[in-house]
PDB file of N, CA and C in Angstrom:
ATOM      1  N   MET A   1     -45.423  34.818  -0.793  1.00  0.00           N
ATOM      2  CA  MET A   1     -44.451  34.589   0.244  1.00  0.00           C
ATOM      3  C   MET A   1     -44.084  35.919   0.893  1.00  0.00           C
ATOM      4  N   ASP A   2     -44.070  35.948   2.198  1.00  0.00           N
ATOM      5  CA  ASP A   2     -43.692  37.140   2.943  1.00  0.00           C
ATOM      6  C   ASP A   2     -42.208  37.043   3.290  1.00  0.00           C
ATOM      7  N   ALA A   3     -41.414  37.914   2.703  1.00  0.00           N
ATOM      8  CA  ALA A   3     -39.968  37.887   2.915  1.00  0.00           C
ATOM      9  C   ALA A   3     -39.511  38.979   3.878  1.00  0.00           C
ATOM     10  N   SER A   4     -40.429  39.548   4.652  1.00  0.00           N
ATOM     11  CA  SER A   4     -40.050  40.648   5.537  1.00  0.00           C
ATOM     12  C   SER A   4     -39.018  40.212   6.574  1.00  0.00           C
ATOM     13  N   ARG A   5     -39.111  38.982   7.063  1.00  0.00           N
ATOM     14  CA  ARG A   5     -38.102  38.480   8.011  1.00  0.00           C
ATOM     15  C   ARG A   5     -36.745  38.374   7.332  1.00  0.00           C
ATOM     16  N   LEU A   6     -36.734  37.934   6.071  1.00  0.00           N
ATOM     17  CA  LEU A   6     -35.463  37.810   5.349  1.00  0.00           C
ATOM     18  C   LEU A   6     -34.779  39.156   5.203  1.00  0.00           C
ATOM     19  N   ARG A   7     -35.556  40.200   5.004  1.00  0.00           N
ATOM     20  CA  ARG A   7     -34.980  41.533   4.806  1.00  0.00           C
ATOM     21  C   ARG A   7     -34.234  42.020   6.044  1.00  0.00           C
ATOM     22  N   GLN A   8     -34.550  41.447   7.200  1.00  0.00           N
ATOM     23  CA  GLN A   8     -33.883  41.832   8.439  1.00  0.00           C
ATOM     24  C   GLN A   8     -32.551  41.115   8.632  1.00  0.00           C
ATOM     25  N   LEU A   9     -32.321  40.029   7.899  1.00  0.00           N
ATOM     26  CA  LEU A   9     -31.109  39.243   8.075  1.00  0.00           C
ATOM     27  C   LEU A   9     -29.880  40.009   7.608  1.00  0.00           C
ATOM     28  N   ALA A  10     -28.802  39.828   8.338  1.00  0.00           N
ATOM     29  CA  ALA A  10     -27.504  40.352   7.920  1.00  0.00           C
ATOM     30  C   ALA A  10     -26.706  39.174   7.383  1.00  0.00           C
ATOM     31  N   ILE A  11     -26.210  39.303   6.152  1.00  0.00           N
ATOM     32  CA  ILE A  11     -25.481  38.215   5.512  1.00  0.00           C
ATOM     33  C   ILE A  11     -24.105  38.722   5.099  1.00  0.00           C
ATOM     34  N   SER A  12     -23.065  38.036   5.578  1.00  0.00           N
ATOM     35  CA  SER A  12     -21.704  38.425   5.194  1.00  0.00           C
ATOM     36  C   SER A  12     -21.336  37.794   3.860  1.00  0.00           C
ATOM     37  N   ASP A  13     -20.253  38.264   3.275  1.00  0.00           N
ATOM     38  CA  ASP A  13     -19.776  37.712   2.009  1.00  0.00           C
ATOM     39  C   ASP A  13     -19.385  36.242   2.141  1.00  0.00           C
ATOM     40  N   SER A  14     -19.032  35.820   3.351  1.00  0.00           N
ATOM     41  CA  SER A  14     -18.623  34.427   3.561  1.00  0.00           C
ATOM     42  C   SER A  14     -19.807  33.501   3.827  1.00  0.00           C
ATOM     43  N   GLY A  15     -21.036  34.041   3.863  1.00  0.00           N
ATOM     44  CA  GLY A  15     -22.222  33.220   4.066  1.00  0.00           C
ATOM     45  C   GLY A  15     -22.675  33.120   5.510  1.00  0.00           C
ATOM     46  N   PHE A  16     -22.089  33.911   6.389  1.00  0.00           N
ATOM     47  CA  PHE A  16     -22.520  33.958   7.783  1.00  0.00           C
ATOM     48  C   PHE A  16     -23.789  34.794   7.846  1.00  0.00           C
ATOM     49  N   VAL A  17     -24.838  34.236   8.444  1.00  0.00           N
ATOM     50  CA  VAL A  17     -26.140  34.906   8.491  1.00  0.00           C
ATOM     51  C   VAL A  17     -26.523  35.150   9.948  1.00  0.00           C
ATOM     52  N   PHE A  18     -26.930  36.360  10.250  1.00  0.00           N
ATOM     53  CA  PHE A  18     -27.372  36.727  11.594  1.00  0.00           C
ATOM     54  C   PHE A  18     -28.810  37.212  11.529  1.00  0.00           C
ATOM     55  N   ASP A  19     -29.648  36.640  12.394  1.00  0.00           N
ATOM     56  CA  ASP A  19     -31.046  37.053  12.509  1.00  0.00           C
ATOM     57  C   ASP A  19     -31.167  37.929  13.749  1.00  0.00           C
ATOM     58  N   PRO A  20     -31.268  39.249  13.598  1.00  0.00           N
ATOM     59  CA  PRO A  20     -31.318  40.129  14.760  1.00  0.00           C
ATOM     60  C   PRO A  20     -32.586  39.975  15.594  1.00  0.00           C
ATOM     61  N   THR A  21     -33.627  39.415  15.016  1.00  0.00           N
ATOM     62  CA  THR A  21     -34.875  39.222  15.755  1.00  0.00           C
ATOM     63  C   THR A  21     -34.719  38.155  16.827  1.00  0.00           C
ATOM     64  N   THR A  22     -34.044  37.063  16.471  1.00  0.00           N
ATOM     65  CA  THR A  22     -33.905  35.933  17.396  1.00  0.00           C
ATOM     66  C   THR A  22     -32.517  35.819  17.999  1.00  0.00           C
ATOM     67  N   GLY A  23     -31.531  36.450  17.358  1.00  0.00           N
ATOM     68  CA  GLY A  23     -30.149  36.297  17.788  1.00  0.00           C
ATOM     69  C   GLY A  23     -29.482  35.056  17.229  1.00  0.00           C
ATOM     70  N   HIS A  24     -30.212  34.287  16.434  1.00  0.00           N
ATOM     71  CA  HIS A  24     -29.657  33.066  15.853  1.00  0.00           C
ATOM     72  C   HIS A  24     -28.704  33.390  14.714  1.00  0.00           C
ATOM     73  N   THR A  25     -27.722  32.522  14.560  1.00  0.00           N
ATOM     74  CA  THR A  25     -26.797  32.627  13.442  1.00  0.00           C
ATOM     75  C   THR A  25     -26.752  31.296  12.709  1.00  0.00           C
ATOM     76  N   PHE A  26     -26.450  31.353  11.441  1.00  0.00           N
ATOM     77  CA  PHE A  26     -26.249  30.144  10.657  1.00  0.00           C
ATOM     78  C   PHE A  26     -25.411  30.510   9.450  1.00  0.00           C
ATOM     79  N   THR A  27     -24.991  29.505   8.720  1.00  0.00           N
ATOM     80  CA  THR A  27     -24.197  29.755   7.526  1.00  0.00           C
ATOM     81  C   THR A  27     -24.887  29.155   6.311  1.00  0.00           C
ATOM     82  N   VAL A  28     -24.649  29.765   5.182  1.00  0.00           N
ATOM     83  CA  VAL A  28     -25.143  29.252   3.906  1.00  0.00           C
ATOM     84  C   VAL A  28     -23.976  29.262   2.920  1.00  0.00           C
ATOM     85  N   ASN A  29     -24.070  28.398   1.938  1.00  0.00           N
ATOM     86  CA  ASN A  29     -23.052  28.381   0.891  1.00  0.00           C
ATOM     87  C   ASN A  29     -23.345  29.515  -0.096  1.00  0.00           C
ATOM     88  N   PRO A  30     -22.469  29.734  -1.080  1.00  0.00           N
ATOM     89  CA  PRO A  30     -22.707  30.829  -2.030  1.00  0.00           C
ATOM     90  C   PRO A  30     -24.060  30.741  -2.739  1.00  0.00           C
ATOM     91  N   THR A  31     -24.517  29.533  -3.011  1.00  0.00           N
ATOM     92  CA  THR A  31     -25.821  29.365  -3.648  1.00  0.00           C
ATOM     93  C   THR A  31     -26.932  29.847  -2.726  1.00  0.00           C
ATOM     94  N   GLY A  32     -26.879  29.434  -1.461  1.00  0.00           N
ATOM     95  CA  GLY A  32     -27.878  29.856  -0.490  1.00  0.00           C
ATOM     96  C   GLY A  32     -27.878  31.361  -0.290  1.00  0.00           C
ATOM     97  N   ALA A  33     -26.687  31.956  -0.275  1.00  0.00           N
ATOM     98  CA  ALA A  33     -26.593  33.410  -0.119  1.00  0.00           C
ATOM     99  C   ALA A  33     -27.234  34.124  -1.304  1.00  0.00           C
ATOM    100  N   LEU A  34     -27.011  33.601  -2.510  1.00  0.00           N
ATOM    101  CA  LEU A  34     -27.620  34.203  -3.696  1.00  0.00           C
ATOM    102  C   LEU A  34     -29.140  34.075  -3.640  1.00  0.00           C
ATOM    103  N   VAL A  35     -29.623  32.916  -3.216  1.00  0.00           N
ATOM    104  CA  VAL A  35     -31.074  32.705  -3.126  1.00  0.00           C
ATOM    105  C   VAL A  35     -31.685  33.666  -2.109  1.00  0.00           C
ATOM    106  N   ILE A  36     -31.083  33.778  -0.939  1.00  0.00           N
ATOM    107  CA  ILE A  36     -31.618  34.676   0.088  1.00  0.00           C
ATOM    108  C   ILE A  36     -31.604  36.120  -0.404  1.00  0.00           C
ATOM    109  N   ALA A  37     -30.517  36.534  -1.028  1.00  0.00           N
ATOM    110  CA  ALA A  37     -30.441  37.910  -1.538  1.00  0.00           C
ATOM    111  C   ALA A  37     -31.530  38.171  -2.572  1.00  0.00           C
ATOM    112  N   ALA A  38     -31.765  37.210  -3.455  1.00  0.00           N
ATOM    113  CA  ALA A  38     -32.799  37.383  -4.479  1.00  0.00           C
ATOM    114  C   ALA A  38     -34.191  37.398  -3.858  1.00  0.00           C
ATOM    115  N   LEU A  39     -34.419  36.561  -2.848  1.00  0.00           N
ATOM    116  CA  LEU A  39     -35.711  36.563  -2.159  1.00  0.00           C
ATOM    117  C   LEU A  39     -35.933  37.903  -1.462  1.00  0.00           C
ATOM    118  N   LYS A  40     -34.886  38.441  -0.846  1.00  0.00           N
ATOM    119  CA  LYS A  40     -34.992  39.740  -0.187  1.00  0.00           C
ATOM    120  C   LYS A  40     -35.386  40.829  -1.179  1.00  0.00           C
ATOM    121  N   ASP A  41     -34.961  40.659  -2.435  1.00  0.00           N
ATOM    122  CA  ASP A  41     -35.295  41.624  -3.488  1.00  0.00           C
ATOM    123  C   ASP A  41     -36.654  41.359  -4.121  1.00  0.00           C
ATOM    124  N   GLY A  42     -37.360  40.319  -3.645  1.00  0.00           N
ATOM    125  CA  GLY A  42     -38.706  40.049  -4.126  1.00  0.00           C
ATOM    126  C   GLY A  42     -38.811  39.120  -5.321  1.00  0.00           C
ATOM    127  N   HIS A  43     -37.743  38.434  -5.679  1.00  0.00           N
ATOM    128  CA  HIS A  43     -37.772  37.538  -6.836  1.00  0.00           C
ATOM    129  C   HIS A  43     -38.319  36.165  -6.455  1.00  0.00           C
ATOM    130  N   GLY A  44     -38.971  35.512  -7.410  1.00  0.00           N
ATOM    131  CA  GLY A  44     -39.533  34.185  -7.215  1.00  0.00           C
ATOM    132  C   GLY A  44     -38.587  33.090  -7.680  1.00  0.00           C
ATOM    133  N   PRO A  45     -39.004  31.831  -7.502  1.00  0.00           N
ATOM    134  CA  PRO A  45     -38.145  30.682  -7.819  1.00  0.00           C
ATOM    135  C   PRO A  45     -37.614  30.656  -9.248  1.00  0.00           C
ATOM    136  N   ASP A  46     -38.436  30.992 -10.228  1.00  0.00           N
ATOM    137  CA  ASP A  46     -37.975  30.925 -11.618  1.00  0.00           C
ATOM    138  C   ASP A  46     -36.889  31.962 -11.909  1.00  0.00           C
ATOM    139  N   GLU A  47     -37.088  33.177 -11.419  1.00  0.00           N
ATOM    140  CA  GLU A  47     -36.077  34.222 -11.617  1.00  0.00           C
ATOM    141  C   GLU A  47     -34.800  33.870 -10.863  1.00  0.00           C
ATOM    142  N   ILE A  48     -34.940  33.329  -9.663  1.00  0.00           N
ATOM    143  CA  ILE A  48     -33.765  32.944  -8.886  1.00  0.00           C
ATOM    144  C   ILE A  48     -33.017  31.822  -9.596  1.00  0.00           C
ATOM    145  N   ALA A  49     -33.743  30.866 -10.155  1.00  0.00           N
ATOM    146  CA  ALA A  49     -33.106  29.779 -10.906  1.00  0.00           C
ATOM    147  C   ALA A  49     -32.326  30.339 -12.094  1.00  0.00           C
ATOM    148  N   ARG A  50     -32.889  31.327 -12.769  1.00  0.00           N
ATOM    149  CA  ARG A  50     -32.185  31.953 -13.892  1.00  0.00           C
ATOM    150  C   ARG A  50     -30.901  32.620 -13.409  1.00  0.00           C
ATOM    151  N   ARG A  51     -30.989  33.305 -12.280  1.00  0.00           N
ATOM    152  CA  ARG A  51     -29.802  33.966 -11.726  1.00  0.00           C
ATOM    153  C   ARG A  51     -28.731  32.947 -11.341  1.00  0.00           C
ATOM    154  N   LEU A  52     -29.164  31.833 -10.752  1.00  0.00           N
ATOM    155  CA  LEU A  52     -28.214  30.776 -10.401  1.00  0.00           C
ATOM    156  C   LEU A  52     -27.554  30.211 -11.655  1.00  0.00           C
ATOM    157  N   ARG A  53     -28.363  29.967 -12.660  1.00  0.00           N
ATOM    158  CA  ARG A  53     -27.833  29.432 -13.917  1.00  0.00           C
ATOM    159  C   ARG A  53     -26.778  30.374 -14.480  1.00  0.00           C
ATOM    160  N   ASP A  54     -27.076  31.664 -14.478  1.00  0.00           N
ATOM    161  CA  ASP A  54     -26.134  32.645 -15.014  1.00  0.00           C
ATOM    162  C   ASP A  54     -24.884  32.774 -14.140  1.00  0.00           C
ATOM    163  N   ALA A  55     -25.076  32.826 -12.824  1.00  0.00           N
ATOM    164  CA  ALA A  55     -23.953  33.026 -11.907  1.00  0.00           C
ATOM    165  C   ALA A  55     -22.982  31.851 -11.914  1.00  0.00           C
ATOM    166  N   PHE A  56     -23.526  30.642 -12.039  1.00  0.00           N
ATOM    167  CA  PHE A  56     -22.685  29.452 -11.954  1.00  0.00           C
ATOM    168  C   PHE A  56     -22.527  28.746 -13.298  1.00  0.00           C
ATOM    169  N   GLU A  57     -22.963  29.418 -14.370  1.00  0.00           N
ATOM    170  CA  GLU A  57     -22.830  28.902 -15.735  1.00  0.00           C
ATOM    171  C   GLU A  57     -23.381  27.482 -15.866  1.00  0.00           C
ATOM    172  N   LEU A  58     -24.640  27.320 -15.470  1.00  0.00           N
ATOM    173  CA  LEU A  58     -25.315  26.027 -15.513  1.00  0.00           C
ATOM    174  C   LEU A  58     -26.264  25.976 -16.697  1.00  0.00           C
ATOM    175  N   ASP A  59     -26.692  24.762 -17.052  1.00  0.00           N
ATOM    176  CA  ASP A  59     -27.667  24.570 -18.129  1.00  0.00           C
ATOM    177  C   ASP A  59     -29.058  24.370 -17.540  1.00  0.00           C
ATOM    178  N   GLY A  60     -30.062  24.960 -18.166  1.00  0.00           N
ATOM    179  CA  GLY A  60     -31.458  24.758 -17.771  1.00  0.00           C
ATOM    180  C   GLY A  60     -31.793  25.382 -16.436  1.00  0.00           C
ATOM    181  N   THR A  61     -33.109  25.513 -16.184  1.00  0.00           N
ATOM    182  CA  THR A  61     -33.555  26.083 -14.909  1.00  0.00           C
ATOM    183  C   THR A  61     -34.617  25.236 -14.231  1.00  0.00           C
ATOM    184  N   GLU A  62     -35.157  24.222 -14.914  1.00  0.00           N
ATOM    185  CA  GLU A  62     -36.275  23.471 -14.344  1.00  0.00           C
ATOM    186  C   GLU A  62     -35.901  22.826 -13.011  1.00  0.00           C
ATOM    187  N   ASP A  63     -34.799  22.071 -12.986  1.00  0.00           N
ATOM    188  CA  ASP A  63     -34.376  21.447 -11.737  1.00  0.00           C
ATOM    189  C   ASP A  63     -33.972  22.491 -10.711  1.00  0.00           C
ATOM    190  N   LEU A  64     -33.371  23.582 -11.168  1.00  0.00           N
ATOM    191  CA  LEU A  64     -32.975  24.642 -10.251  1.00  0.00           C
ATOM    192  C   LEU A  64     -34.187  25.260  -9.573  1.00  0.00           C
ATOM    193  N   SER A  65     -35.271  25.427 -10.293  1.00  0.00           N
ATOM    194  CA  SER A  65     -36.487  25.989  -9.689  1.00  0.00           C
ATOM    195  C   SER A  65     -36.974  25.104  -8.554  1.00  0.00           C
ATOM    196  N   ARG A  66     -36.931  23.795  -8.753  1.00  0.00           N
ATOM    197  CA  ARG A  66     -37.342  22.869  -7.684  1.00  0.00           C
ATOM    198  C   ARG A  66     -36.412  22.982  -6.483  1.00  0.00           C
ATOM    199  N   GLU A  67     -35.111  23.083  -6.755  1.00  0.00           N
ATOM    200  CA  GLU A  67     -34.142  23.224  -5.666  1.00  0.00           C
ATOM    201  C   GLU A  67     -34.380  24.521  -4.893  1.00  0.00           C
ATOM    202  N   VAL A  68     -34.665  25.591  -5.607  1.00  0.00           N
ATOM    203  CA  VAL A  68     -34.955  26.872  -4.956  1.00  0.00           C
ATOM    204  C   VAL A  68     -36.206  26.738  -4.093  1.00  0.00           C
ATOM    205  N   GLU A  69     -37.239  26.092  -4.611  1.00  0.00           N
ATOM    206  CA  GLU A  69     -38.467  25.897  -3.837  1.00  0.00           C
ATOM    207  C   GLU A  69     -38.198  25.062  -2.591  1.00  0.00           C
ATOM    208  N   ASP A  70     -37.339  24.043  -2.697  1.00  0.00           N
ATOM    209  CA  ASP A  70     -36.970  23.237  -1.527  1.00  0.00           C
ATOM    210  C   ASP A  70     -36.244  24.087  -0.487  1.00  0.00           C
ATOM    211  N   PHE A  71     -35.337  24.939  -0.942  1.00  0.00           N
ATOM    212  CA  PHE A  71     -34.608  25.816  -0.033  1.00  0.00           C
ATOM    213  C   PHE A  71     -35.570  26.792   0.640  1.00  0.00           C
ATOM    214  N   MET A  72     -36.511  27.319  -0.131  1.00  0.00           N
ATOM    215  CA  MET A  72     -37.517  28.222   0.429  1.00  0.00           C
ATOM    216  C   MET A  72     -38.354  27.505   1.483  1.00  0.00           C
ATOM    217  N   ALA A  73     -38.661  26.233   1.263  1.00  0.00           N
ATOM    218  CA  ALA A  73     -39.420  25.456   2.247  1.00  0.00           C
ATOM    219  C   ALA A  73     -38.621  25.320   3.537  1.00  0.00           C
ATOM    220  N   ARG A  74     -37.313  25.110   3.427  1.00  0.00           N
ATOM    221  CA  ARG A  74     -36.481  25.018   4.630  1.00  0.00           C
ATOM    222  C   ARG A  74     -36.439  26.362   5.360  1.00  0.00           C
ATOM    223  N   LEU A  75     -36.389  27.450   4.602  1.00  0.00           N
ATOM    224  CA  LEU A  75     -36.432  28.770   5.237  1.00  0.00           C
ATOM    225  C   LEU A  75     -37.748  28.951   5.992  1.00  0.00           C
ATOM    226  N   ALA A  76     -38.845  28.508   5.388  1.00  0.00           N
ATOM    227  CA  ALA A  76     -40.159  28.613   6.035  1.00  0.00           C
ATOM    228  C   ALA A  76     -40.211  27.758   7.298  1.00  0.00           C
ATOM    229  N   GLU A  77     -39.639  26.551   7.238  1.00  0.00           N
ATOM    230  CA  GLU A  77     -39.611  25.675   8.416  1.00  0.00           C
ATOM    231  C   GLU A  77     -38.889  26.338   9.578  1.00  0.00           C
ATOM    232  N   ASN A  78     -37.916  27.179   9.267  1.00  0.00           N
ATOM    233  CA  ASN A  78     -37.147  27.871  10.296  1.00  0.00           C
ATOM    234  C   ASN A  78     -37.707  29.252  10.621  1.00  0.00           C
ATOM    235  N   GLY A  79     -38.903  29.548  10.104  1.00  0.00           N
ATOM    236  CA  GLY A  79     -39.584  30.793  10.433  1.00  0.00           C
ATOM    237  C   GLY A  79     -39.008  32.033   9.780  1.00  0.00           C
ATOM    238  N   LEU A  80     -38.229  31.858   8.710  1.00  0.00           N
ATOM    239  CA  LEU A  80     -37.601  33.010   8.071  1.00  0.00           C
ATOM    240  C   LEU A  80     -38.426  33.595   6.941  1.00  0.00           C
ATOM    241  N   VAL A  81     -39.379  32.848   6.419  1.00  0.00           N
ATOM    242  CA  VAL A  81     -40.326  33.355   5.424  1.00  0.00           C
ATOM    243  C   VAL A  81     -41.701  32.841   5.791  1.00  0.00           C
ATOM    244  N   GLY A  82     -42.718  33.566   5.349  1.00  0.00           N
ATOM    245  CA  GLY A  82     -44.080  33.149   5.660  1.00  0.00           C
ATOM    246  C   GLY A  82     -44.852  32.776   4.438  1.00  0.00           C
TER     247      GLY A  82
END
């Protein structure tokens, strides 16, 4: 996955996201912000699921990995990852 577009995004603490390439803005919840930050750092779905589990004190990572992959697919649909 090419996350170079993600690295250009500006993300506020409140989940406001600005894409300087297109000028588009959108918002994400705290989970989405954590996923984007981890993707920007080069982490994959399993590591991101572990981080989510730890951050939100959840059990297991299998379902979380699928959710992360779904979120990544939505990012790809919007041209934010390749």
